[in-house]
PDB file of N, CA and C in Angstrom:
ATOM      1  N   MET A   1       6.354   5.573   5.260  1.00  0.00           N
ATOM      2  CA  MET A   1       5.851   4.248   5.587  1.00  0.00           C
ATOM      3  C   MET A   1       4.573   4.029   4.788  1.00  0.00           C
ATOM      4  N   ARG A   2       4.408   2.785   4.357  1.00  0.00           N
ATOM      5  CA  ARG A   2       3.249   2.479   3.538  1.00  0.00           C
ATOM      6  C   ARG A   2       2.868   1.015   3.689  1.00  0.00           C
ATOM      7  N   MET A   3       1.575   0.792   3.733  1.00  0.00           N
ATOM      8  CA  MET A   3       1.021  -0.559   3.685  1.00  0.00           C
ATOM      9  C   MET A   3       0.260  -0.651   2.363  1.00  0.00           C
ATOM     10  N   TRP A   4       0.647  -1.594   1.515  1.00  0.00           N
ATOM     11  CA  TRP A   4      -0.024  -1.731   0.225  1.00  0.00           C
ATOM     12  C   TRP A   4      -1.398  -2.367   0.391  1.00  0.00           C
ATOM     13  N   MET A   5      -1.526  -3.309   1.292  1.00  0.00           N
ATOM     14  CA  MET A   5      -2.782  -3.980   1.636  1.00  0.00           C
ATOM     15  C   MET A   5      -3.406  -4.794   0.496  1.00  0.00           C
ATOM     16  N   ILE A   6      -2.614  -5.132  -0.513  1.00  0.00           N
ATOM     17  CA  ILE A   6      -3.113  -6.022  -1.565  1.00  0.00           C
ATOM     18  C   ILE A   6      -2.615  -7.431  -1.252  1.00  0.00           C
ATOM     19  N   ASP A   7      -3.118  -8.410  -1.963  1.00  0.00           N
ATOM     20  CA  ASP A   7      -2.691  -9.788  -1.778  1.00  0.00           C
ATOM     21  C   ASP A   7      -1.163  -9.853  -1.851  1.00  0.00           C
ATOM     22  N   PRO A   8      -0.500 -10.332  -0.799  1.00  0.00           N
ATOM     23  CA  PRO A   8       0.967 -10.376  -0.793  1.00  0.00           C
ATOM     24  C   PRO A   8       1.562 -11.160  -1.959  1.00  0.00           C
ATOM     25  N   LYS A   9       0.821 -12.084  -2.543  1.00  0.00           N
ATOM     26  CA  LYS A   9       1.320 -12.842  -3.688  1.00  0.00           C
ATOM     27  C   LYS A   9       1.563 -11.939  -4.889  1.00  0.00           C
ATOM     28  N   LEU A  10       0.922 -10.765  -4.914  1.00  0.00           N
ATOM     29  CA  LEU A  10       1.066  -9.840  -6.031  1.00  0.00           C
ATOM     30  C   LEU A  10       2.288  -8.942  -5.903  1.00  0.00           C
ATOM     31  N   LEU A  11       2.923  -8.959  -4.742  1.00  0.00           N
ATOM     32  CA  LEU A  11       4.080  -8.094  -4.510  1.00  0.00           C
ATOM     33  C   LEU A  11       5.367  -8.771  -4.962  1.00  0.00           C
ATOM     34  N   CYS A  12       6.233  -7.994  -5.609  1.00  0.00           N
ATOM     35  CA  CYS A  12       7.557  -8.503  -5.935  1.00  0.00           C
ATOM     36  C   CYS A  12       8.339  -8.677  -4.634  1.00  0.00           C
ATOM     37  N   ARG A  13       9.490  -9.297  -4.721  1.00  0.00           N
ATOM     38  CA  ARG A  13      10.325  -9.523  -3.532  1.00  0.00           C
ATOM     39  C   ARG A  13      10.625  -8.213  -2.807  1.00  0.00           C
ATOM     40  N   LYS A  14      11.018  -7.194  -3.549  1.00  0.00           N
ATOM     41  CA  LYS A  14      11.401  -5.917  -2.954  1.00  0.00           C
ATOM     42  C   LYS A  14      10.238  -5.297  -2.175  1.00  0.00           C
ATOM     43  N   HIS A  15       9.049  -5.275  -2.767  1.00  0.00           N
ATOM     44  CA  HIS A  15       7.908  -4.645  -2.110  1.00  0.00           C
ATOM     45  C   HIS A  15       7.350  -5.504  -0.975  1.00  0.00           C
ATOM     46  N   LEU A  16       7.428  -6.820  -1.113  1.00  0.00           N
ATOM     47  CA  LEU A  16       7.008  -7.711  -0.031  1.00  0.00           C
ATOM     48  C   LEU A  16       7.873  -7.481   1.211  1.00  0.00           C
ATOM     49  N   LEU A  17       9.179  -7.503   1.027  1.00  0.00           N
ATOM     50  CA  LEU A  17      10.091  -7.329   2.162  1.00  0.00           C
ATOM     51  C   LEU A  17      10.035  -5.903   2.712  1.00  0.00           C
ATOM     52  N   ALA A  18       9.845  -4.926   1.846  1.00  0.00           N
ATOM     53  CA  ALA A  18       9.759  -3.541   2.311  1.00  0.00           C
ATOM     54  C   ALA A  18       8.506  -3.309   3.143  1.00  0.00           C
ATOM     55  N   GLU A  19       7.370  -3.860   2.714  1.00  0.00           N
ATOM     56  CA  GLU A  19       6.153  -3.678   3.512  1.00  0.00           C
ATOM     57  C   GLU A  19       6.289  -4.384   4.851  1.00  0.00           C
ATOM     58  N   HIS A  20       6.942  -5.537   4.863  1.00  0.00           N
ATOM     59  CA  HIS A  20       7.186  -6.238   6.125  1.00  0.00           C
ATOM     60  C   HIS A  20       7.996  -5.353   7.068  1.00  0.00           C
ATOM     61  N   LEU A  21       9.065  -4.768   6.557  1.00  0.00           N
ATOM     62  CA  LEU A  21       9.893  -3.875   7.361  1.00  0.00           C
ATOM     63  C   LEU A  21       9.084  -2.677   7.856  1.00  0.00           C
ATOM     64  N   GLU A  22       8.253  -2.133   7.005  1.00  0.00           N
ATOM     65  CA  GLU A  22       7.491  -0.957   7.385  1.00  0.00           C
ATOM     66  C   GLU A  22       6.444  -1.269   8.455  1.00  0.00           C
ATOM     67  N   CYS A  23       5.953  -2.502   8.514  1.00  0.00           N
ATOM     68  CA  CYS A  23       5.082  -2.889   9.632  1.00  0.00           C
ATOM     69  C   CYS A  23       5.843  -2.736  10.953  1.00  0.00           C
ATOM     70  N   HIS A  24       7.085  -3.200  10.964  1.00  0.00           N
ATOM     71  CA  HIS A  24       7.908  -3.064  12.170  1.00  0.00           C
ATOM     72  C   HIS A  24       8.194  -1.593  12.473  1.00  0.00           C
ATOM     73  N   MET A  25       8.443  -0.803  11.439  1.00  0.00           N
ATOM     74  CA  MET A  25       8.701   0.621  11.635  1.00  0.00           C
ATOM     75  C   MET A  25       7.463   1.329  12.190  1.00  0.00           C
ATOM     76  N   LEU A  26       6.288   0.950  11.716  1.00  0.00           N
ATOM     77  CA  LEU A  26       5.056   1.541  12.232  1.00  0.00           C
ATOM     78  C   LEU A  26       4.865   1.238  13.712  1.00  0.00           C
ATOM     79  N   VAL A  27       5.118  -0.015  14.100  1.00  0.00           N
ATOM     80  CA  VAL A  27       4.989  -0.384  15.511  1.00  0.00           C
ATOM     81  C   VAL A  27       5.969   0.435  16.350  1.00  0.00           C
ATOM     82  N   GLY A  28       7.199   0.575  15.872  1.00  0.00           N
ATOM     83  CA  GLY A  28       8.183   1.377  16.594  1.00  0.00           C
ATOM     84  C   GLY A  28       7.742   2.824  16.736  1.00  0.00           C
ATOM     85  N   ALA A  29       7.181   3.378  15.672  1.00  0.00           N
ATOM     86  CA  ALA A  29       6.709   4.760  15.713  1.00  0.00           C
ATOM     87  C   ALA A  29       5.550   4.914  16.696  1.00  0.00           C
ATOM     88  N   ILE A  30       4.647   3.942  16.711  1.00  0.00           N
ATOM     89  CA  ILE A  30       3.511   3.987  17.642  1.00  0.00           C
ATOM     90  C   ILE A  30       4.011   3.911  19.079  1.00  0.00           C
ATOM     91  N   LYS A  31       4.935   2.995  19.341  1.00  0.00           N
ATOM     92  CA  LYS A  31       5.476   2.853  20.700  1.00  0.00           C
ATOM     93  C   LYS A  31       6.185   4.118  21.168  1.00  0.00           C
ATOM     94  N   LYS A  32       6.799   4.844  20.246  1.00  0.00           N
ATOM     95  CA  LYS A  32       7.504   6.085  20.591  1.00  0.00           C
ATOM     96  C   LYS A  32       6.558   7.286  20.653  1.00  0.00           C
ATOM     97  N   GLY A  33       5.294   7.069  20.321  1.00  0.00           N
ATOM     98  CA  GLY A  33       4.317   8.152  20.355  1.00  0.00           C
ATOM     99  C   GLY A  33       4.429   9.131  19.197  1.00  0.00           C
ATOM    100  N   LYS A  34       5.009   8.691  18.090  1.00  0.00           N
ATOM    101  CA  LYS A  34       5.165   9.556  16.919  1.00  0.00           C
ATOM    102  C   LYS A  34       3.795   9.882  16.320  1.00  0.00           C
ATOM    103  N   ASN A  35       3.690  11.022  15.720  1.00  0.00           N
ATOM    104  CA  ASN A  35       2.458  11.443  15.070  1.00  0.00           C
ATOM    105  C   ASN A  35       2.392  10.816  13.676  1.00  0.00           C
ATOM    106  N   LEU A  36       1.413   9.981  13.443  1.00  0.00           N
ATOM    107  CA  LEU A  36       1.248   9.291  12.164  1.00  0.00           C
ATOM    108  C   LEU A  36       0.062   9.822  11.374  1.00  0.00           C
ATOM    109  N   LYS A  37      -0.464  10.960  11.809  1.00  0.00           N
ATOM    110  CA  LYS A  37      -1.659  11.525  11.182  1.00  0.00           C
ATOM    111  C   LYS A  37      -1.495  11.710   9.675  1.00  0.00           C
ATOM    112  N   GLY A  38      -0.341  12.165   9.217  1.00  0.00           N
ATOM    113  CA  GLY A  38      -0.118  12.366   7.787  1.00  0.00           C
ATOM    114  C   GLY A  38      -0.253  11.076   6.997  1.00  0.00           C
ATOM    115  N   TYR A  39       0.292   9.989   7.527  1.00  0.00           N
ATOM    116  CA  TYR A  39       0.196   8.685   6.861  1.00  0.00           C
ATOM    117  C   TYR A  39      -1.249   8.197   6.829  1.00  0.00           C
ATOM    118  N   VAL A  40      -1.954   8.421   7.947  1.00  0.00           N
ATOM    119  CA  VAL A  40      -3.361   8.020   8.036  1.00  0.00           C
ATOM    120  C   VAL A  40      -4.193   8.844   7.061  1.00  0.00           C
ATOM    121  N   ASP A  41      -4.007  10.162   7.103  1.00  0.00           N
ATOM    122  CA  ASP A  41      -4.804  11.056   6.252  1.00  0.00           C
ATOM    123  C   ASP A  41      -4.583  10.799   4.765  1.00  0.00           C
ATOM    124  N   LYS A  42      -3.391  10.392   4.384  1.00  0.00           N
ATOM    125  CA  LYS A  42      -3.086  10.124   2.973  1.00  0.00           C
ATOM    126  C   LYS A  42      -3.485   8.708   2.548  1.00  0.00           C
ATOM    127  N   GLY A  43      -4.049   7.925   3.476  1.00  0.00           N
ATOM    128  CA  GLY A  43      -4.483   6.571   3.134  1.00  0.00           C
ATOM    129  C   GLY A  43      -3.336   5.615   2.895  1.00  0.00           C
ATOM    130  N   LEU A  44      -2.214   5.819   3.596  1.00  0.00           N
ATOM    131  CA  LEU A  44      -1.038   4.975   3.400  1.00  0.00           C
ATOM    132  C   LEU A  44      -0.939   3.846   4.412  1.00  0.00           C
ATOM    133  N   VAL A  45      -1.669   3.938   5.516  1.00  0.00           N
ATOM    134  CA  VAL A  45      -1.577   2.915   6.569  1.00  0.00           C
ATOM    135  C   VAL A  45      -2.948   2.615   7.157  1.00  0.00           C
ATOM    136  N   GLU A  46      -3.056   1.415   7.719  1.00  0.00           N
ATOM    137  CA  GLU A  46      -4.219   1.011   8.505  1.00  0.00           C
ATOM    138  C   GLU A  46      -3.686   0.572   9.864  1.00  0.00           C
ATOM    139  N   LEU A  47      -3.677   1.496  10.808  1.00  0.00           N
ATOM    140  CA  LEU A  47      -3.026   1.257  12.089  1.00  0.00           C
ATOM    141  C   LEU A  47      -3.633   0.097  12.874  1.00  0.00           C
ATOM    142  N   ASP A  48      -4.909  -0.169  12.676  1.00  0.00           N
ATOM    143  CA  ASP A  48      -5.547  -1.262  13.413  1.00  0.00           C
ATOM    144  C   ASP A  48      -5.357  -2.621  12.748  1.00  0.00           C
ATOM    145  N   HIS A  49      -4.623  -2.680  11.637  1.00  0.00           N
ATOM    146  CA  HIS A  49      -4.401  -3.948  10.935  1.00  0.00           C
ATOM    147  C   HIS A  49      -2.923  -4.306  10.780  1.00  0.00           C
ATOM    148  N   ILE A  50      -2.055  -3.653  11.517  1.00  0.00           N
ATOM    149  CA  ILE A  50      -0.617  -3.905  11.366  1.00  0.00           C
ATOM    150  C   ILE A  50      -0.279  -5.361  11.680  1.00  0.00           C
ATOM    151  N   GLY A  51      -0.767  -5.883  12.792  1.00  0.00           N
ATOM    152  CA  GLY A  51      -0.463  -7.264  13.183  1.00  0.00           C
ATOM    153  C   GLY A  51      -0.978  -8.277  12.178  1.00  0.00           C
ATOM    154  N   LYS A  52      -2.222  -8.093  11.750  1.00  0.00           N
ATOM    155  CA  LYS A  52      -2.817  -9.013  10.770  1.00  0.00           C
ATOM    156  C   LYS A  52      -2.048  -8.954   9.448  1.00  0.00           C
ATOM    157  N   ARG A  53      -1.723  -7.736   9.025  1.00  0.00           N
ATOM    158  CA  ARG A  53      -1.000  -7.586   7.764  1.00  0.00           C
ATOM    159  C   ARG A  53       0.382  -8.222   7.841  1.00  0.00           C
ATOM    160  N   HIS A  54       1.043  -8.048   8.974  1.00  0.00           N
ATOM    161  CA  HIS A  54       2.360  -8.654   9.172  1.00  0.00           C
ATOM    162  C   HIS A  54       2.269 -10.179   9.019  1.00  0.00           C
ATOM    163  N   ARG A  55       1.253 -10.785   9.620  1.00  0.00           N
ATOM    164  CA  ARG A  55       1.076 -12.244   9.506  1.00  0.00           C
ATOM    165  C   ARG A  55       0.860 -12.661   8.052  1.00  0.00           C
ATOM    166  N   GLU A  56       0.083 -11.876   7.296  1.00  0.00           N
ATOM    167  CA  GLU A  56      -0.144 -12.191   5.882  1.00  0.00           C
ATOM    168  C   GLU A  56       1.164 -12.119   5.091  1.00  0.00           C
ATOM    169  N   LEU A  57       1.952 -11.105   5.356  1.00  0.00           N
ATOM    170  CA  LEU A  57       3.229 -10.934   4.661  1.00  0.00           C
ATOM    171  C   LEU A  57       4.194 -12.060   5.007  1.00  0.00           C
ATOM    172  N   VAL A  58       4.241 -12.430   6.284  1.00  0.00           N
ATOM    173  CA  VAL A  58       5.127 -13.519   6.726  1.00  0.00           C
ATOM    174  C   VAL A  58       4.715 -14.838   6.081  1.00  0.00           C
ATOM    175  N   ARG A  59       3.421 -15.087   5.997  1.00  0.00           N
ATOM    176  CA  ARG A  59       2.934 -16.316   5.359  1.00  0.00           C
ATOM    177  C   ARG A  59       3.435 -16.383   3.911  1.00  0.00           C
ATOM    178  N   GLU A  60       3.372 -15.276   3.193  1.00  0.00           N
ATOM    179  CA  GLU A  60       3.850 -15.247   1.804  1.00  0.00           C
ATOM    180  C   GLU A  60       5.370 -15.366   1.751  1.00  0.00           C
ATOM    181  N   MET A  61       6.064 -14.719   2.677  1.00  0.00           N
ATOM    182  CA  MET A  61       7.525 -14.834   2.712  1.00  0.00           C
ATOM    183  C   MET A  61       7.931 -16.296   2.882  1.00  0.00           C
ATOM    184  N   LYS A  62       7.290 -16.986   3.799  1.00  0.00           N
ATOM    185  CA  LYS A  62       7.612 -18.399   4.038  1.00  0.00           C
ATOM    186  C   LYS A  62       7.245 -19.252   2.827  1.00  0.00           C
ATOM    187  N   ARG A  63       6.127 -18.924   2.180  1.00  0.00           N
ATOM    188  CA  ARG A  63       5.722 -19.672   0.984  1.00  0.00           C
ATOM    189  C   ARG A  63       6.796 -19.563  -0.099  1.00  0.00           C
ATOM    190  N   ARG A  64       7.454 -18.419  -0.170  1.00  0.00           N
ATOM    191  CA  ARG A  64       8.519 -18.212  -1.159  1.00  0.00           C
ATOM    192  C   ARG A  64       9.866 -18.743  -0.685  1.00  0.00           C
ATOM    193  N   GLY A  65       9.914 -19.264   0.523  1.00  0.00           N
ATOM    194  CA  GLY A  65      11.161 -19.837   1.024  1.00  0.00           C
ATOM    195  C   GLY A  65      12.050 -18.854   1.766  1.00  0.00           C
ATOM    196  N   TYR A  66      11.528 -17.670   2.103  1.00  0.00           N
ATOM    197  CA  TYR A  66      12.314 -16.683   2.847  1.00  0.00           C
ATOM    198  C   TYR A  66      12.258 -17.017   4.329  1.00  0.00           C
ATOM    199  N   ARG A  67      13.308 -16.677   5.038  1.00  0.00           N
ATOM    200  CA  ARG A  67      13.332 -16.878   6.490  1.00  0.00           C
ATOM    201  C   ARG A  67      12.711 -15.665   7.179  1.00  0.00           C
ATOM    202  N   HIS A  68      12.143 -15.936   8.356  1.00  0.00           N
ATOM    203  CA  HIS A  68      11.540 -14.849   9.134  1.00  0.00           C
ATOM    204  C   HIS A  68      11.863 -15.044  10.601  1.00  0.00           C
ATOM    205  N   TYR A  69      12.433 -14.012  11.207  1.00  0.00           N
ATOM    206  CA  TYR A  69      12.842 -14.098  12.617  1.00  0.00           C
ATOM    207  C   TYR A  69      12.330 -12.931  13.448  1.00  0.00           C
ATOM    208  N   THR A  70      11.404 -12.148  12.934  1.00  0.00           N
ATOM    209  CA  THR A  70      10.995 -10.940  13.637  1.00  0.00           C
ATOM    210  C   THR A  70       9.491 -10.933  13.915  1.00  0.00           C
ATOM    211  N   PRO A  71       9.086 -11.562  15.012  1.00  0.00           N
ATOM    212  CA  PRO A  71       7.659 -11.560  15.348  1.00  0.00           C
ATOM    213  C   PRO A  71       7.183 -10.135  15.651  1.00  0.00           C
ATOM    214  N   LEU A  72       5.895  -9.929  15.530  1.00  0.00           N
ATOM    215  CA  LEU A  72       5.324  -8.610  15.762  1.00  0.00           C
ATOM    216  C   LEU A  72       3.937  -8.773  16.356  1.00  0.00           C
ATOM    217  N   LYS A  73       3.639  -7.989  17.369  1.00  0.00           N
ATOM    218  CA  LYS A  73       2.296  -7.971  17.958  1.00  0.00           C
ATOM    219  C   LYS A  73       1.602  -6.685  17.554  1.00  0.00           C
ATOM    220  N   GLN A  74       0.306  -6.781  17.358  1.00  0.00           N
ATOM    221  CA  GLN A  74      -0.488  -5.594  17.046  1.00  0.00           C
ATOM    222  C   GLN A  74      -0.360  -4.616  18.208  1.00  0.00           C
ATOM    223  N   PRO A  75       0.125  -3.422  17.932  1.00  0.00           N
ATOM    224  CA  PRO A  75       0.259  -2.446  19.017  1.00  0.00           C
ATOM    225  C   PRO A  75      -1.092  -1.856  19.398  1.00  0.00           C
ATOM    226  N   TYR A  76      -1.171  -1.398  20.624  1.00  0.00           N
ATOM    227  CA  TYR A  76      -2.348  -0.652  21.045  1.00  0.00           C
ATOM    228  C   TYR A  76      -2.242   0.732  20.433  1.00  0.00           C
ATOM    229  N   VAL A  77      -3.230   1.110  19.661  1.00  0.00           N
ATOM    230  CA  VAL A  77      -3.200   2.383  18.953  1.00  0.00           C
ATOM    231  C   VAL A  77      -4.042   3.374  19.747  1.00  0.00           C
ATOM    232  N   ARG A  78      -3.368   4.192  20.547  1.00  0.00           N
ATOM    233  CA  ARG A  78      -4.079   5.186  21.348  1.00  0.00           C
ATOM    234  C   ARG A  78      -3.929   6.557  20.688  1.00  0.00           C
ATOM    235  N   ASN A  79      -4.797   7.438  21.057  1.00  0.00           N
ATOM    236  CA  ASN A  79      -4.773   8.818  20.553  1.00  0.00           C
ATOM    237  C   ASN A  79      -5.039   8.918  19.051  1.00  0.00           C
ATOM    238  N   TYR A  80      -5.631   7.891  18.467  1.00  0.00           N
ATOM    239  CA  TYR A  80      -6.001   7.970  17.056  1.00  0.00           C
ATOM    240  C   TYR A  80      -7.494   7.697  16.936  1.00  0.00           C
ATOM    241  N   HIS A  81      -8.215   8.686  16.430  1.00  0.00           N
ATOM    242  CA  HIS A  81      -9.650   8.495  16.215  1.00  0.00           C
ATOM    243  C   HIS A  81      -9.892   7.861  14.858  1.00  0.00           C
ATOM    244  N   ASP A  82      -9.019   8.165  13.909  1.00  0.00           N
ATOM    245  CA  ASP A  82      -9.100   7.596  12.573  1.00  0.00           C
ATOM    246  C   ASP A  82      -7.842   6.752  12.369  1.00  0.00           C
ATOM    247  N   VAL A  83      -8.005   5.453  12.248  1.00  0.00           N
ATOM    248  CA  VAL A  83      -6.846   4.564  12.149  1.00  0.00           C
ATOM    249  C   VAL A  83      -6.420   4.311  10.703  1.00  0.00           C
ATOM    250  N   GLY A  84      -7.135   4.881   9.743  1.00  0.00           N
ATOM    251  CA  GLY A  84      -6.725   4.815   8.352  1.00  0.00           C
ATOM    252  C   GLY A  84      -7.366   3.705   7.552  1.00  0.00           C
ATOM    253  N   LYS A  85      -7.450   3.939   6.268  1.00  0.00           N
ATOM    254  CA  LYS A  85      -7.959   2.948   5.322  1.00  0.00           C
ATOM    255  C   LYS A  85      -7.194   3.115   4.022  1.00  0.00           C
ATOM    256  N   VAL A  86      -6.571   2.037   3.565  1.00  0.00           N
ATOM    257  CA  VAL A  86      -5.800   2.039   2.320  1.00  0.00           C
ATOM    258  C   VAL A  86      -6.715   1.629   1.176  1.00  0.00           C
ATOM    259  N   ASP A  87      -6.695   2.381   0.100  1.00  0.00           N
ATOM    260  CA  ASP A  87      -7.446   2.057  -1.108  1.00  0.00           C
ATOM    261  C   ASP A  87      -6.597   1.088  -1.930  1.00  0.00           C
ATOM    262  N   THR A  88      -6.977  -0.171  -1.960  1.00  0.00           N
ATOM    263  CA  THR A  88      -6.170  -1.189  -2.635  1.00  0.00           C
ATOM    264  C   THR A  88      -6.143  -0.996  -4.150  1.00  0.00           C
ATOM    265  N   HIS A  89      -7.169  -0.373  -4.697  1.00  0.00           N
ATOM    266  CA  HIS A  89      -7.172  -0.083  -6.135  1.00  0.00           C
ATOM    267  C   HIS A  89      -6.046   0.903  -6.465  1.00  0.00           C
ATOM    268  N   ILE A  90      -5.926   1.929  -5.663  1.00  0.00           N
ATOM    269  CA  ILE A  90      -4.848   2.909  -5.855  1.00  0.00           C
ATOM    270  C   ILE A  90      -3.495   2.245  -5.627  1.00  0.00           C
ATOM    271  N   SER A  91      -3.411   1.353  -4.623  1.00  0.00           N
ATOM    272  CA  SER A  91      -2.150   0.647  -4.373  1.00  0.00           C
ATOM    273  C   SER A  91      -1.708  -0.142  -5.596  1.00  0.00           C
ATOM    274  N   LYS A  92      -2.641  -0.849  -6.224  1.00  0.00           N
ATOM    275  CA  LYS A  92      -2.292  -1.627  -7.415  1.00  0.00           C
ATOM    276  C   LYS A  92      -1.819  -0.718  -8.546  1.00  0.00           C
ATOM    277  N   ILE A  93      -2.510   0.384  -8.753  1.00  0.00           N
ATOM    278  CA  ILE A  93      -2.105   1.313  -9.812  1.00  0.00           C
ATOM    279  C   ILE A  93      -0.710   1.861  -9.524  1.00  0.00           C
ATOM    280  N   ASP A  94      -0.465   2.271  -8.272  1.00  0.00           N
ATOM    281  CA  ASP A  94       0.859   2.789  -7.910  1.00  0.00           C
ATOM    282  C   ASP A  94       1.954   1.758  -8.166  1.00  0.00           C
ATOM    283  N   LEU A  95       1.681   0.521  -7.781  1.00  0.00           N
ATOM    284  CA  LEU A  95       2.681  -0.535  -7.983  1.00  0.00           C
ATOM    285  C   LEU A  95       2.917  -0.812  -9.466  1.00  0.00           C
ATOM    286  N   ILE A  96       1.850  -0.826 -10.241  1.00  0.00           N
ATOM    287  CA  ILE A  96       1.981  -1.051 -11.690  1.00  0.00           C
ATOM    288  C   ILE A  96       2.832   0.041 -12.329  1.00  0.00           C
ATOM    289  N   LEU A  97       2.658   1.266 -11.878  1.00  0.00           N
ATOM    290  CA  LEU A  97       3.387   2.393 -12.455  1.00  0.00           C
ATOM    291  C   LEU A  97       4.837   2.473 -12.002  1.00  0.00           C
ATOM    292  N   ARG A  98       5.138   1.931 -10.822  1.00  0.00           N
ATOM    293  CA  ARG A  98       6.499   2.103 -10.295  1.00  0.00           C
ATOM    294  C   ARG A  98       7.362   0.850 -10.344  1.00  0.00           C
ATOM    295  N   CYS A  99       6.775  -0.316 -10.589  1.00  0.00           N
ATOM    296  CA  CYS A  99       7.568  -1.538 -10.491  1.00  0.00           C
ATOM    297  C   CYS A  99       7.164  -2.536 -11.574  1.00  0.00           C
ATOM    298  N   ASP A 100       8.079  -2.835 -12.472  1.00  0.00           N
ATOM    299  CA  ASP A 100       7.795  -3.792 -13.545  1.00  0.00           C
ATOM    300  C   ASP A 100       7.501  -5.185 -13.005  1.00  0.00           C
ATOM    301  N   ASP A 101       8.213  -5.597 -11.950  1.00  0.00           N
ATOM    302  CA  ASP A 101       7.989  -6.935 -11.385  1.00  0.00           C
ATOM    303  C   ASP A 101       6.597  -7.046 -10.775  1.00  0.00           C
ATOM    304  N   CYS A 102       6.183  -6.038 -10.015  1.00  0.00           N
ATOM    305  CA  CYS A 102       4.829  -6.056  -9.446  1.00  0.00           C
ATOM    306  C   CYS A 102       3.788  -5.990 -10.561  1.00  0.00           C
ATOM    307  N   MET A 103       4.050  -5.161 -11.580  1.00  0.00           N
ATOM    308  CA  MET A 103       3.121  -5.049 -12.701  1.00  0.00           C
ATOM    309  C   MET A 103       2.882  -6.426 -13.330  1.00  0.00           C
ATOM    310  N   MET A 104       3.946  -7.187 -13.542  1.00  0.00           N
ATOM    311  CA  MET A 104       3.793  -8.512 -14.153  1.00  0.00           C
ATOM    312  C   MET A 104       3.039  -9.467 -13.232  1.00  0.00           C
ATOM    313  N   ARG A 105       3.317  -9.405 -11.941  1.00  0.00           N
ATOM    314  CA  ARG A 105       2.621 -10.282 -10.992  1.00  0.00           C
ATOM    315  C   ARG A 105       1.121  -9.949 -10.964  1.00  0.00           C
ATOM    316  N   ILE A 106       0.797  -8.656 -10.942  1.00  0.00           N
ATOM    317  CA  ILE A 106      -0.603  -8.221 -10.919  1.00  0.00           C
ATOM    318  C   ILE A 106      -1.292  -8.601 -12.228  1.00  0.00           C
ATOM    319  N   PHE A 107      -0.627  -8.354 -13.348  1.00  0.00           N
ATOM    320  CA  PHE A 107      -1.198  -8.673 -14.655  1.00  0.00           C
ATOM    321  C   PHE A 107      -1.406 -10.180 -14.818  1.00  0.00           C
ATOM    322  N   ASN A 108      -0.414 -10.978 -14.452  1.00  0.00           N
ATOM    323  CA  ASN A 108      -0.544 -12.436 -14.566  1.00  0.00           C
ATOM    324  C   ASN A 108      -1.653 -12.967 -13.674  1.00  0.00           C
ATOM    325  N   ASN A 109      -1.794 -12.401 -12.479  1.00  0.00           N
ATOM    326  CA  ASN A 109      -2.885 -12.798 -11.590  1.00  0.00           C
ATOM    327  C   ASN A 109      -4.225 -12.440 -12.206  1.00  0.00           C
ATOM    328  N   TRP A 110      -4.305 -11.263 -12.819  1.00  0.00           N
ATOM    329  CA  TRP A 110      -5.540 -10.835 -13.455  1.00  0.00           C
ATOM    330  C   TRP A 110      -5.895 -11.786 -14.600  1.00  0.00           C
ATOM    331  N   LEU A 111      -4.893 -12.190 -15.395  1.00  0.00           N
ATOM    332  CA  LEU A 111      -5.142 -13.120 -16.494  1.00  0.00           C
ATOM    333  C   LEU A 111      -5.667 -14.458 -15.980  1.00  0.00           C
ATOM    334  N   LEU A 112      -5.073 -14.949 -14.900  1.00  0.00           N
ATOM    335  CA  LEU A 112      -5.484 -16.239 -14.339  1.00  0.00           C
ATOM    336  C   LEU A 112      -6.897 -16.194 -13.790  1.00  0.00           C
ATOM    337  N   THR A 113      -7.276 -15.080 -13.201  1.00  0.00           N
ATOM    338  CA  THR A 113      -8.598 -14.999 -12.577  1.00  0.00           C
ATOM    339  C   THR A 113      -9.693 -14.566 -13.545  1.00  0.00           C
ATOM    340  N   ASN A 114      -9.319 -14.093 -14.720  1.00  0.00           N
ATOM    341  CA  ASN A 114     -10.329 -13.623 -15.690  1.00  0.00           C
ATOM    342  C   ASN A 114     -10.412 -14.461 -16.950  1.00  0.00           C
ATOM    343  N   ASN A 115      -9.876 -15.659 -16.901  1.00  0.00           N
ATOM    344  CA  ASN A 115      -9.990 -16.566 -18.055  1.00  0.00           C
ATOM    345  C   ASN A 115     -10.641 -17.857 -17.657  1.00  0.00           C
TER     346      ASN A 115
END
């Protein structure tokens, strides 16, 4: 499970929809009492921002004309002293290296904001 935590407009369709799904998977794991320490320690999730992130992703999905039928509430995160922090710089680098579509979206956004 992973939360990219970058501007959803920079995500390709595949990564936008996958992060949305993973928000739901994280909530399910929390409700089941699963141990998410590895994800937190590796900087892959921000457990206290799942609900907010889901809303951001849904807003972008709707902007692109995608349908959304799966509401999500921020779960109560108990038994976690460290809820995680995602390094968005690393997220962008990872996406650039693994996905040509995300790379183009990130690069085009960079061109627009730096000219």
